[in-house]
PDB file of N, CA and C in Angstrom:
ATOM      1  N   UNK A   1     226.648 169.458 -47.601  1.00  0.00           N
ATOM      2  CA  UNK A   1     227.963 168.836 -47.719  1.00  0.00           C
ATOM      3  C   UNK A   1     228.350 168.740 -49.194  1.00  0.00           C
ATOM      4  N   UNK A   2     229.631 168.904 -49.482  1.00  0.00           N
ATOM      5  CA  UNK A   2     230.069 168.778 -50.876  1.00  0.00           C
ATOM      6  C   UNK A   2     229.872 167.359 -51.395  1.00  0.00           C
ATOM      7  N   UNK A   3     229.692 167.264 -52.697  1.00  0.00           N
ATOM      8  CA  UNK A   3     229.543 165.940 -53.305  1.00  0.00           C
ATOM      9  C   UNK A   3     230.792 165.117 -53.025  1.00  0.00           C
ATOM     10  N   UNK A   4     230.611 163.852 -52.720  1.00  0.00           N
ATOM     11  CA  UNK A   4     231.745 162.974 -52.474  1.00  0.00           C
ATOM     12  C   UNK A   4     232.295 163.051 -51.062  1.00  0.00           C
ATOM     13  N   UNK A   5     231.569 163.680 -50.130  1.00  0.00           N
ATOM     14  CA  UNK A   5     232.035 163.742 -48.749  1.00  0.00           C
ATOM     15  C   UNK A   5     231.997 162.349 -48.138  1.00  0.00           C
ATOM     16  N   UNK A   6     232.894 162.119 -47.228  1.00  0.00           N
ATOM     17  CA  UNK A   6     232.965 160.804 -46.602  1.00  0.00           C
ATOM     18  C   UNK A   6     231.808 160.617 -45.616  1.00  0.00           C
ATOM     19  N   UNK A   7     231.443 159.378 -45.347  1.00  0.00           N
ATOM     20  CA  UNK A   7     230.387 159.123 -44.361  1.00  0.00           C
ATOM     21  C   UNK A   7     230.733 159.718 -42.985  1.00  0.00           C
ATOM     22  N   UNK A   8     232.016 159.704 -42.644  1.00  0.00           N
ATOM     23  CA  UNK A   8     232.438 160.276 -41.369  1.00  0.00           C
ATOM     24  C   UNK A   8     232.091 161.765 -41.315  1.00  0.00           C
ATOM     25  N   UNK A   9     232.386 162.498 -42.388  1.00  0.00           N
ATOM     26  CA  UNK A   9     232.108 163.935 -42.415  1.00  0.00           C
ATOM     27  C   UNK A   9     230.601 164.197 -42.437  1.00  0.00           C
ATOM     28  N   UNK A  10     229.837 163.327 -43.092  1.00  0.00           N
ATOM     29  CA  UNK A  10     228.384 163.457 -43.091  1.00  0.00           C
ATOM     30  C   UNK A  10     227.843 163.319 -41.669  1.00  0.00           C
ATOM     31  N   UNK A  11     228.335 162.316 -40.940  1.00  0.00           N
ATOM     32  CA  UNK A  11     227.910 162.113 -39.551  1.00  0.00           C
ATOM     33  C   UNK A  11     228.315 163.301 -38.690  1.00  0.00           C
ATOM     34  N   UNK A  12     229.524 163.778 -38.907  1.00  0.00           N
ATOM     35  CA  UNK A  12     230.029 164.922 -38.151  1.00  0.00           C
ATOM     36  C   UNK A  12     229.125 166.147 -38.388  1.00  0.00           C
ATOM     37  N   UNK A  13     228.781 166.391 -39.646  1.00  0.00           N
ATOM     38  CA  UNK A  13     227.928 167.517 -40.002  1.00  0.00           C
ATOM     39  C   UNK A  13     226.582 167.411 -39.277  1.00  0.00           C
ATOM     40  N   UNK A  14     225.948 166.238 -39.344  1.00  0.00           N
ATOM     41  CA  UNK A  14     224.644 166.053 -38.711  1.00  0.00           C
ATOM     42  C   UNK A  14     224.726 166.236 -37.201  1.00  0.00           C
ATOM     43  N   UNK A  15     225.786 165.711 -36.590  1.00  0.00           N
ATOM     44  CA  UNK A  15     225.950 165.831 -35.139  1.00  0.00           C
ATOM     45  C   UNK A  15     226.099 167.296 -34.732  1.00  0.00           C
ATOM     46  N   UNK A  16     226.935 168.025 -35.440  1.00  0.00           N
ATOM     47  CA  UNK A  16     227.160 169.431 -35.115  1.00  0.00           C
ATOM     48  C   UNK A  16     225.882 170.237 -35.335  1.00  0.00           C
ATOM     49  N   UNK A  17     225.182 169.959 -36.421  1.00  0.00           N
ATOM     50  CA  UNK A  17     223.935 170.667 -36.721  1.00  0.00           C
ATOM     51  C   UNK A  17     222.901 170.430 -35.618  1.00  0.00           C
ATOM     52  N   UNK A  18     222.749 169.182 -35.196  1.00  0.00           N
ATOM     53  CA  UNK A  18     221.785 168.868 -34.140  1.00  0.00           C
ATOM     54  C   UNK A  18     222.180 169.516 -32.812  1.00  0.00           C
ATOM     55  N   UNK A  19     223.464 169.525 -32.511  1.00  0.00           N
ATOM     56  CA  UNK A  19     223.928 170.160 -31.273  1.00  0.00           C
ATOM     57  C   UNK A  19     223.611 171.645 -31.273  1.00  0.00           C
ATOM     58  N   UNK A  20     223.821 172.292 -32.396  1.00  0.00           N
ATOM     59  CA  UNK A  20     223.532 173.721 -32.504  1.00  0.00           C
ATOM     60  C   UNK A  20     222.034 173.978 -32.345  1.00  0.00           C
ATOM     61  N   UNK A  21     221.209 173.122 -32.940  1.00  0.00           N
ATOM     62  CA  UNK A  21     219.750 173.271 -32.796  1.00  0.00           C
ATOM     63  C   UNK A  21     219.336 173.114 -31.333  1.00  0.00           C
ATOM     64  N   UNK A  22     219.955 172.158 -30.625  1.00  0.00           N
ATOM     65  CA  UNK A  22     219.632 171.939 -29.217  1.00  0.00           C
ATOM     66  C   UNK A  22     220.029 173.133 -28.356  1.00  0.00           C
ATOM     67  N   UNK A  23     221.043 173.882 -28.794  1.00  0.00           N
ATOM     68  CA  UNK A  23     221.468 175.085 -28.072  1.00  0.00           C
ATOM     69  C   UNK A  23     220.577 176.274 -28.389  1.00  0.00           C
ATOM     70  N   UNK A  24     219.623 176.100 -29.306  1.00  0.00           N
ATOM     71  CA  UNK A  24     218.697 177.167 -29.607  1.00  0.00           C
ATOM     72  C   UNK A  24     218.991 177.937 -30.876  1.00  0.00           C
ATOM     73  N   UNK A  25     219.967 177.506 -31.660  1.00  0.00           N
ATOM     74  CA  UNK A  25     220.268 178.178 -32.924  1.00  0.00           C
ATOM     75  C   UNK A  25     219.162 177.881 -33.936  1.00  0.00           C
ATOM     76  N   UNK A  26     218.950 178.803 -34.869  1.00  0.00           N
ATOM     77  CA  UNK A  26     217.985 178.569 -35.939  1.00  0.00           C
ATOM     78  C   UNK A  26     218.515 177.451 -36.836  1.00  0.00           C
ATOM     79  N   UNK A  27     217.624 176.874 -37.630  1.00  0.00           N
ATOM     80  CA  UNK A  27     218.029 175.798 -38.533  1.00  0.00           C
ATOM     81  C   UNK A  27     219.106 176.282 -39.496  1.00  0.00           C
ATOM     82  N   UNK A  28     218.922 177.478 -40.058  1.00  0.00           N
ATOM     83  CA  UNK A  28     219.906 178.008 -41.008  1.00  0.00           C
ATOM     84  C   UNK A  28     221.254 178.246 -40.341  1.00  0.00           C
ATOM     85  N   UNK A  29     221.237 178.818 -39.134  1.00  0.00           N
ATOM     86  CA  UNK A  29     222.487 179.077 -38.420  1.00  0.00           C
ATOM     87  C   UNK A  29     223.161 177.754 -38.046  1.00  0.00           C
ATOM     88  N   UNK A  30     222.382 176.762 -37.652  1.00  0.00           N
ATOM     89  CA  UNK A  30     222.936 175.454 -37.302  1.00  0.00           C
ATOM     90  C   UNK A  30     223.612 174.815 -38.508  1.00  0.00           C
ATOM     91  N   UNK A  31     222.989 174.940 -39.690  1.00  0.00           N
ATOM     92  CA  UNK A  31     223.594 174.397 -40.905  1.00  0.00           C
ATOM     93  C   UNK A  31     224.908 175.109 -41.222  1.00  0.00           C
ATOM     94  N   UNK A  32     224.910 176.436 -41.036  1.00  0.00           N
ATOM     95  CA  UNK A  32     226.123 177.216 -41.312  1.00  0.00           C
ATOM     96  C   UNK A  32     227.260 176.816 -40.380  1.00  0.00           C
ATOM     97  N   UNK A  33     226.960 176.696 -39.104  1.00  0.00           N
ATOM     98  CA  UNK A  33     227.972 176.299 -38.120  1.00  0.00           C
ATOM     99  C   UNK A  33     228.536 174.933 -38.477  1.00  0.00           C
ATOM    100  N   UNK A  34     227.654 173.991 -38.781  1.00  0.00           N
ATOM    101  CA  UNK A  34     228.087 172.630 -39.098  1.00  0.00           C
ATOM    102  C   UNK A  34     228.941 172.611 -40.367  1.00  0.00           C
ATOM    103  N   UNK A  35     228.500 173.313 -41.393  1.00  0.00           N
ATOM    104  CA  UNK A  35     229.250 173.324 -42.653  1.00  0.00           C
ATOM    105  C   UNK A  35     230.630 173.943 -42.469  1.00  0.00           C
ATOM    106  N   UNK A  36     230.691 175.061 -41.770  1.00  0.00           N
ATOM    107  CA  UNK A  36     231.992 175.714 -41.557  1.00  0.00           C
ATOM    108  C   UNK A  36     232.934 174.827 -40.751  1.00  0.00           C
ATOM    109  N   UNK A  37     232.400 174.197 -39.730  1.00  0.00           N
ATOM    110  CA  UNK A  37     233.228 173.339 -38.885  1.00  0.00           C
ATOM    111  C   UNK A  37     233.763 172.149 -39.672  1.00  0.00           C
ATOM    112  N   UNK A  38     232.874 171.480 -40.413  1.00  0.00           N
ATOM    113  CA  UNK A  38     233.296 170.304 -41.182  1.00  0.00           C
ATOM    114  C   UNK A  38     234.268 170.708 -42.287  1.00  0.00           C
ATOM    115  N   UNK A  39     233.995 171.826 -42.959  1.00  0.00           N
ATOM    116  CA  UNK A  39     234.913 172.275 -44.010  1.00  0.00           C
ATOM    117  C   UNK A  39     236.290 172.585 -43.438  1.00  0.00           C
ATOM    118  N   UNK A  40     236.336 173.165 -42.243  1.00  0.00           N
ATOM    119  CA  UNK A  40     237.626 173.456 -41.618  1.00  0.00           C
ATOM    120  C   UNK A  40     238.357 172.152 -41.299  1.00  0.00           C
ATOM    121  N   UNK A  41     237.649 171.190 -40.768  1.00  0.00           N
ATOM    122  CA  UNK A  41     238.273 169.900 -40.450  1.00  0.00           C
ATOM    123  C   UNK A  41     238.770 169.207 -41.719  1.00  0.00           C
ATOM    124  N   UNK A  42     238.005 169.301 -42.793  1.00  0.00           N
ATOM    125  CA  UNK A  42     238.435 168.713 -44.064  1.00  0.00           C
ATOM    126  C   UNK A  42     239.715 169.381 -44.554  1.00  0.00           C
ATOM    127  N   UNK A  43     239.781 170.704 -44.435  1.00  0.00           N
ATOM    128  CA  UNK A  43     240.978 171.434 -44.873  1.00  0.00           C
ATOM    129  C   UNK A  43     242.179 171.058 -44.016  1.00  0.00           C
ATOM    130  N   UNK A  44     241.983 170.935 -42.714  1.00  0.00           N
ATOM    131  CA  UNK A  44     243.086 170.605 -41.802  1.00  0.00           C
ATOM    132  C   UNK A  44     243.649 169.209 -42.088  1.00  0.00           C
ATOM    133  N   UNK A  45     242.789 168.306 -42.526  1.00  0.00           N
ATOM    134  CA  UNK A  45     243.251 166.937 -42.754  1.00  0.00           C
ATOM    135  C   UNK A  45     243.620 166.670 -44.216  1.00  0.00           C
ATOM    136  N   UNK A  46     243.601 167.722 -45.051  1.00  0.00           N
ATOM    137  CA  UNK A  46     244.013 167.571 -46.437  1.00  0.00           C
ATOM    138  C   UNK A  46     242.965 166.970 -47.352  1.00  0.00           C
ATOM    139  N   UNK A  47     241.695 166.980 -46.945  1.00  0.00           N
ATOM    140  CA  UNK A  47     240.629 166.391 -47.747  1.00  0.00           C
ATOM    141  C   UNK A  47     240.028 167.365 -48.754  1.00  0.00           C
ATOM    142  N   UNK A  48     240.378 168.651 -48.661  1.00  0.00           N
ATOM    143  CA  UNK A  48     239.810 169.627 -49.589  1.00  0.00           C
ATOM    144  C   UNK A  48     240.867 170.097 -50.579  1.00  0.00           C
ATOM    145  N   UNK A  49     240.419 170.603 -51.699  1.00  0.00           N
ATOM    146  CA  UNK A  49     241.351 171.047 -52.742  1.00  0.00           C
ATOM    147  C   UNK A  49     242.109 172.299 -52.334  1.00  0.00           C
ATOM    148  N   UNK A  50     241.414 173.221 -51.680  1.00  0.00           N
ATOM    149  CA  UNK A  50     242.045 174.457 -51.233  1.00  0.00           C
ATOM    150  C   UNK A  50     241.803 174.623 -49.744  1.00  0.00           C
ATOM    151  N   UNK A  51     242.701 175.332 -49.103  1.00  0.00           N
ATOM    152  CA  UNK A  51     242.556 175.570 -47.674  1.00  0.00           C
ATOM    153  C   UNK A  51     243.157 176.927 -47.340  1.00  0.00           C
ATOM    154  N   UNK A  52     242.391 177.736 -46.644  1.00  0.00           N
ATOM    155  CA  UNK A  52     242.887 179.038 -46.219  1.00  0.00           C
ATOM    156  C   UNK A  52     243.825 178.907 -45.036  1.00  0.00           C
ATOM    157  N   UNK A  53     244.576 179.957 -44.794  1.00  0.00           N
ATOM    158  CA  UNK A  53     245.534 179.953 -43.694  1.00  0.00           C
ATOM    159  C   UNK A  53     244.839 179.731 -42.351  1.00  0.00           C
ATOM    160  N   UNK A  54     243.696 180.380 -42.145  1.00  0.00           N
ATOM    161  CA  UNK A  54     243.021 180.239 -40.857  1.00  0.00           C
ATOM    162  C   UNK A  54     242.514 178.814 -40.625  1.00  0.00           C
ATOM    163  N   UNK A  55     242.216 178.094 -41.688  1.00  0.00           N
ATOM    164  CA  UNK A  55     241.754 176.716 -41.530  1.00  0.00           C
ATOM    165  C   UNK A  55     242.880 175.788 -41.115  1.00  0.00           C
ATOM    166  N   UNK A  56     244.079 176.062 -41.591  1.00  0.00           N
ATOM    167  CA  UNK A  56     245.172 175.135 -41.329  1.00  0.00           C
ATOM    168  C   UNK A  56     246.059 175.549 -40.164  1.00  0.00           C
ATOM    169  N   UNK A  57     246.090 176.828 -39.814  1.00  0.00           N
ATOM    170  CA  UNK A  57     247.012 177.284 -38.769  1.00  0.00           C
ATOM    171  C   UNK A  57     246.315 177.715 -37.489  1.00  0.00           C
ATOM    172  N   UNK A  58     245.013 177.902 -37.519  1.00  0.00           N
ATOM    173  CA  UNK A  58     244.252 178.334 -36.357  1.00  0.00           C
ATOM    174  C   UNK A  58     244.007 177.128 -35.444  1.00  0.00           C
ATOM    175  N   UNK A  59     243.437 177.371 -34.267  1.00  0.00           N
ATOM    176  CA  UNK A  59     243.041 176.265 -33.389  1.00  0.00           C
ATOM    177  C   UNK A  59     242.028 175.386 -34.105  1.00  0.00           C
ATOM    178  N   UNK A  60     242.086 174.098 -33.867  1.00  0.00           N
ATOM    179  CA  UNK A  60     241.072 173.219 -34.439  1.00  0.00           C
ATOM    180  C   UNK A  60     239.744 173.484 -33.740  1.00  0.00           C
ATOM    181  N   UNK A  61     238.661 173.176 -34.402  1.00  0.00           N
ATOM    182  CA  UNK A  61     237.344 173.419 -33.815  1.00  0.00           C
ATOM    183  C   UNK A  61     237.162 172.585 -32.545  1.00  0.00           C
ATOM    184  N   UNK A  62     237.701 171.370 -32.544  1.00  0.00           N
ATOM    185  CA  UNK A  62     237.597 170.536 -31.350  1.00  0.00           C
ATOM    186  C   UNK A  62     238.340 171.125 -30.169  1.00  0.00           C
ATOM    187  N   UNK A  63     239.519 171.670 -30.422  1.00  0.00           N
ATOM    188  CA  UNK A  63     240.297 172.298 -29.356  1.00  0.00           C
ATOM    189  C   UNK A  63     239.595 173.548 -28.843  1.00  0.00           C
ATOM    190  N   UNK A  64     239.090 174.358 -29.758  1.00  0.00           N
ATOM    191  CA  UNK A  64     238.392 175.584 -29.362  1.00  0.00           C
ATOM    192  C   UNK A  64     237.168 175.242 -28.519  1.00  0.00           C
ATOM    193  N   UNK A  65     236.420 174.235 -28.938  1.00  0.00           N
ATOM    194  CA  UNK A  65     235.247 173.833 -28.171  1.00  0.00           C
ATOM    195  C   UNK A  65     235.626 173.320 -26.792  1.00  0.00           C
ATOM    196  N   UNK A  66     236.732 172.581 -26.728  1.00  0.00           N
ATOM    197  CA  UNK A  66     237.196 172.090 -25.442  1.00  0.00           C
ATOM    198  C   UNK A  66     237.596 173.210 -24.502  1.00  0.00           C
ATOM    199  N   UNK A  67     238.187 174.242 -25.052  1.00  0.00           N
ATOM    200  CA  UNK A  67     238.581 175.375 -24.221  1.00  0.00           C
ATOM    201  C   UNK A  67     237.370 176.123 -23.683  1.00  0.00           C
ATOM    202  N   UNK A  68     236.274 176.126 -24.431  1.00  0.00           N
ATOM    203  CA  UNK A  68     235.079 176.852 -24.013  1.00  0.00           C
ATOM    204  C   UNK A  68     234.135 176.019 -23.164  1.00  0.00           C
ATOM    205  N   UNK A  69     234.330 174.724 -23.120  1.00  0.00           N
ATOM    206  CA  UNK A  69     233.335 173.851 -22.512  1.00  0.00           C
ATOM    207  C   UNK A  69     233.303 173.916 -20.995  1.00  0.00           C
ATOM    208  N   UNK A  70     234.320 174.488 -20.386  1.00  0.00           N
ATOM    209  CA  UNK A  70     234.354 174.531 -18.934  1.00  0.00           C
ATOM    210  C   UNK A  70     234.964 173.280 -18.344  1.00  0.00           C
ATOM    211  N   UNK A  71     235.596 172.457 -19.178  1.00  0.00           N
ATOM    212  CA  UNK A  71     236.146 171.193 -18.699  1.00  0.00           C
ATOM    213  C   UNK A  71     237.571 171.336 -18.188  1.00  0.00           C
ATOM    214  N   UNK A  72     238.119 172.535 -18.208  1.00  0.00           N
ATOM    215  CA  UNK A  72     239.492 172.716 -17.739  1.00  0.00           C
ATOM    216  C   UNK A  72     239.507 173.638 -16.533  1.00  0.00           C
ATOM    217  N   UNK A  73     240.537 173.542 -15.722  1.00  0.00           N
ATOM    218  CA  UNK A  73     240.671 174.417 -14.568  1.00  0.00           C
ATOM    219  C   UNK A  73     240.846 175.851 -15.041  1.00  0.00           C
ATOM    220  N   UNK A  74     240.205 176.780 -14.366  1.00  0.00           N
ATOM    221  CA  UNK A  74     240.328 178.177 -14.736  1.00  0.00           C
ATOM    222  C   UNK A  74     239.478 178.582 -15.915  1.00  0.00           C
ATOM    223  N   UNK A  75     238.507 177.765 -16.272  1.00  0.00           N
ATOM    224  CA  UNK A  75     237.644 178.080 -17.403  1.00  0.00           C
ATOM    225  C   UNK A  75     236.883 179.364 -17.136  1.00  0.00           C
ATOM    226  N   UNK A  76     236.672 180.115 -18.181  1.00  0.00           N
ATOM    227  CA  UNK A  76     235.906 181.350 -18.050  1.00  0.00           C
ATOM    228  C   UNK A  76     234.434 181.097 -18.309  1.00  0.00           C
ATOM    229  N   UNK A  77     234.035 179.860 -18.447  1.00  0.00           N
ATOM    230  CA  UNK A  77     232.634 179.515 -18.612  1.00  0.00           C
ATOM    231  C   UNK A  77     232.115 179.797 -20.002  1.00  0.00           C
ATOM    232  N   UNK A  78     230.789 179.967 -20.108  1.00  0.00           N
ATOM    233  CA  UNK A  78     230.191 180.178 -21.419  1.00  0.00           C
ATOM    234  C   UNK A  78     230.629 181.509 -22.032  1.00  0.00           C
ATOM    235  N   UNK A  79     230.561 181.596 -23.335  1.00  0.00           N
ATOM    236  CA  UNK A  79     230.931 182.821 -24.032  1.00  0.00           C
ATOM    237  C   UNK A  79     229.857 183.879 -23.818  1.00  0.00           C
ATOM    238  N   UNK A  80     230.182 185.109 -24.149  1.00  0.00           N
ATOM    239  CA  UNK A  80     229.221 186.197 -24.036  1.00  0.00           C
ATOM    240  C   UNK A  80     228.003 185.924 -24.927  1.00  0.00           C
ATOM    241  N   UNK A  81     228.250 185.397 -26.127  1.00  0.00           N
ATOM    242  CA  UNK A  81     227.147 185.093 -27.037  1.00  0.00           C
ATOM    243  C   UNK A  81     226.231 184.014 -26.466  1.00  0.00           C
ATOM    244  N   UNK A  82     226.825 183.023 -25.814  1.00  0.00           N
ATOM    245  CA  UNK A  82     226.005 181.973 -25.207  1.00  0.00           C
ATOM    246  C   UNK A  82     225.153 182.539 -24.071  1.00  0.00           C
ATOM    247  N   UNK A  83     225.759 183.415 -23.258  1.00  0.00           N
ATOM    248  CA  UNK A  83     225.005 184.054 -22.178  1.00  0.00           C
ATOM    249  C   UNK A  83     223.896 184.943 -22.744  1.00  0.00           C
ATOM    250  N   UNK A  84     224.204 185.667 -23.816  1.00  0.00           N
ATOM    251  CA  UNK A  84     223.211 186.532 -24.440  1.00  0.00           C
ATOM    252  C   UNK A  84     222.021 185.714 -24.951  1.00  0.00           C
ATOM    253  N   UNK A  85     222.308 184.587 -25.600  1.00  0.00           N
ATOM    254  CA  UNK A  85     221.228 183.739 -26.109  1.00  0.00           C
ATOM    255  C   UNK A  85     220.340 183.233 -24.978  1.00  0.00           C
ATOM    256  N   UNK A  86     220.971 182.859 -23.871  1.00  0.00           N
ATOM    257  CA  UNK A  86     220.198 182.402 -22.716  1.00  0.00           C
ATOM    258  C   UNK A  86     219.354 183.548 -22.158  1.00  0.00           C
ATOM    259  N   UNK A  87     219.924 184.740 -22.092  1.00  0.00           N
ATOM    260  CA  UNK A  87     219.178 185.910 -21.603  1.00  0.00           C
ATOM    261  C   UNK A  87     217.995 186.211 -22.520  1.00  0.00           C
ATOM    262  N   UNK A  88     218.194 186.057 -23.822  1.00  0.00           N
ATOM    263  CA  UNK A  88     217.106 186.280 -24.774  1.00  0.00           C
ATOM    264  C   UNK A  88     215.988 185.268 -24.527  1.00  0.00           C
ATOM    265  N   UNK A  89     216.369 184.000 -24.324  1.00  0.00           N
ATOM    266  CA  UNK A  89     215.363 182.965 -24.071  1.00  0.00           C
ATOM    267  C   UNK A  89     214.568 183.267 -22.802  1.00  0.00           C
ATOM    268  N   UNK A  90     215.249 183.819 -21.793  1.00  0.00           N
ATOM    269  CA  UNK A  90     214.581 184.104 -20.517  1.00  0.00           C
ATOM    270  C   UNK A  90     213.918 185.478 -20.482  1.00  0.00           C
ATOM    271  N   UNK A  91     214.108 186.263 -21.541  1.00  0.00           N
ATOM    272  CA  UNK A  91     213.456 187.573 -21.610  1.00  0.00           C
ATOM    273  C   UNK A  91     214.084 188.632 -20.729  1.00  0.00           C
ATOM    274  N   UNK A  92     215.394 188.580 -20.524  1.00  0.00           N
ATOM    275  CA  UNK A  92     216.096 189.569 -19.695  1.00  0.00           C
ATOM    276  C   UNK A  92     216.092 190.914 -20.426  1.00  0.00           C
ATOM    277  N   UNK A  93     215.624 191.955 -19.732  1.00  0.00           N
ATOM    278  CA  UNK A  93     215.553 193.300 -20.312  1.00  0.00           C
ATOM    279  C   UNK A  93     216.943 193.930 -20.351  1.00  0.00           C
ATOM    280  N   UNK A  94     217.226 194.689 -21.410  1.00  0.00           N
ATOM    281  CA  UNK A  94     218.481 195.430 -21.530  1.00  0.00           C
ATOM    282  C   UNK A  94     219.691 194.586 -21.861  1.00  0.00           C
ATOM    283  N   UNK A  95     219.473 193.356 -22.282  1.00  0.00           N
ATOM    284  CA  UNK A  95     220.584 192.425 -22.504  1.00  0.00           C
ATOM    285  C   UNK A  95     221.540 192.871 -23.605  1.00  0.00           C
ATOM    286  N   UNK A  96     221.054 193.613 -24.600  1.00  0.00           N
ATOM    287  CA  UNK A  96     221.923 193.991 -25.716  1.00  0.00           C
ATOM    288  C   UNK A  96     223.014 194.970 -25.304  1.00  0.00           C
ATOM    289  N   UNK A  97     222.824 195.643 -24.181  1.00  0.00           N
ATOM    290  CA  UNK A  97     223.825 196.604 -23.711  1.00  0.00           C
ATOM    291  C   UNK A  97     224.730 196.014 -22.639  1.00  0.00           C
ATOM    292  N   UNK A  98     224.551 194.759 -22.295  1.00  0.00           N
ATOM    293  CA  UNK A  98     225.304 194.144 -21.206  1.00  0.00           C
ATOM    294  C   UNK A  98     226.567 193.471 -21.703  1.00  0.00           C
ATOM    295  N   UNK A  99     227.614 193.522 -20.858  1.00  0.00           N
ATOM    296  CA  UNK A  99     228.821 192.761 -21.158  1.00  0.00           C
ATOM    297  C   UNK A  99     228.664 191.372 -20.534  1.00  0.00           C
ATOM    298  N   UNK A 100     229.695 190.560 -20.657  1.00  0.00           N
ATOM    299  CA  UNK A 100     229.613 189.172 -20.216  1.00  0.00           C
ATOM    300  C   UNK A 100     229.291 189.055 -18.719  1.00  0.00           C
ATOM    301  N   UNK A 101     229.983 189.834 -17.887  1.00  0.00           N
ATOM    302  CA  UNK A 101     229.739 189.758 -16.441  1.00  0.00           C
ATOM    303  C   UNK A 101     228.332 190.228 -16.081  1.00  0.00           C
ATOM    304  N   UNK A 102     227.860 191.276 -16.734  1.00  0.00           N
ATOM    305  CA  UNK A 102     226.508 191.765 -16.473  1.00  0.00           C
ATOM    306  C   UNK A 102     225.465 190.733 -16.877  1.00  0.00           C
ATOM    307  N   UNK A 103     225.677 190.087 -18.022  1.00  0.00           N
ATOM    308  CA  UNK A 103     224.752 189.032 -18.446  1.00  0.00           C
ATOM    309  C   UNK A 103     224.734 187.885 -17.444  1.00  0.00           C
ATOM    310  N   UNK A 104     225.914 187.482 -16.974  1.00  0.00           N
ATOM    311  CA  UNK A 104     226.001 186.399 -15.992  1.00  0.00           C
ATOM    312  C   UNK A 104     225.221 186.761 -14.723  1.00  0.00           C
ATOM    313  N   UNK A 105     225.423 187.996 -14.231  1.00  0.00           N
ATOM    314  CA  UNK A 105     224.722 188.422 -13.015  1.00  0.00           C
ATOM    315  C   UNK A 105     223.204 188.481 -13.242  1.00  0.00           C
ATOM    316  N   UNK A 106     222.792 189.002 -14.398  1.00  0.00           N
ATOM    317  CA  UNK A 106     221.361 189.095 -14.694  1.00  0.00           C
ATOM    318  C   UNK A 106     220.724 187.708 -14.754  1.00  0.00           C
ATOM    319  N   UNK A 107     221.436 186.762 -15.346  1.00  0.00           N
ATOM    320  CA  UNK A 107     220.909 185.397 -15.414  1.00  0.00           C
ATOM    321  C   UNK A 107     220.863 184.753 -14.039  1.00  0.00           C
ATOM    322  N   UNK A 108     221.872 185.034 -13.209  1.00  0.00           N
ATOM    323  CA  UNK A 108     221.857 184.504 -11.841  1.00  0.00           C
ATOM    324  C   UNK A 108     220.666 185.054 -11.067  1.00  0.00           C
ATOM    325  N   UNK A 109     220.398 186.365 -11.193  1.00  0.00           N
ATOM    326  CA  UNK A 109     219.266 186.976 -10.522  1.00  0.00           C
ATOM    327  C   UNK A 109     217.955 186.410 -11.044  1.00  0.00           C
ATOM    328  N   UNK A 110     217.871 186.218 -12.362  1.00  0.00           N
ATOM    329  CA  UNK A 110     216.665 185.666 -12.991  1.00  0.00           C
ATOM    330  C   UNK A 110     216.383 184.270 -12.445  1.00  0.00           C
ATOM    331  N   UNK A 111     217.454 183.494 -12.238  1.00  0.00           N
ATOM    332  CA  UNK A 111     217.300 182.138 -11.739  1.00  0.00           C
ATOM    333  C   UNK A 111     216.819 182.081 -10.301  1.00  0.00           C
ATOM    334  N   UNK A 112     217.163 183.107  -9.521  1.00  0.00           N
ATOM    335  CA  UNK A 112     216.747 183.155  -8.102  1.00  0.00           C
ATOM    336  C   UNK A 112     215.305 183.601  -7.943  1.00  0.00           C
ATOM    337  N   UNK A 113     214.830 184.378  -8.925  1.00  0.00           N
ATOM    338  CA  UNK A 113     213.499 185.002  -8.804  1.00  0.00           C
ATOM    339  C   UNK A 113     212.375 184.151  -9.210  1.00  0.00           C
TER     340      UNK A 113
END
């Protein structure tokens, strides 16, 4: 976190980092995800000196996460990357060549077996 970050942003960073670790991300990747997310939120709320267009005009990280969480009607479920990570954890063969639907089916079959 940048020097002088607010306690709220520090808590946010730690929460996001821990969530990413629980999903199976490496420590370094979890730190990167948390830092990018918090920096984007800081830019959106005017807490940073500079802000790129994508930080201020794109979907907020909270909105994007809500759209992916499956909490809305018509959700498409987990992302392809999330399915791929789960397939890797379960040792599904040929996963790197699979699209989202193929990964979903392979994981469903793995769960039945």
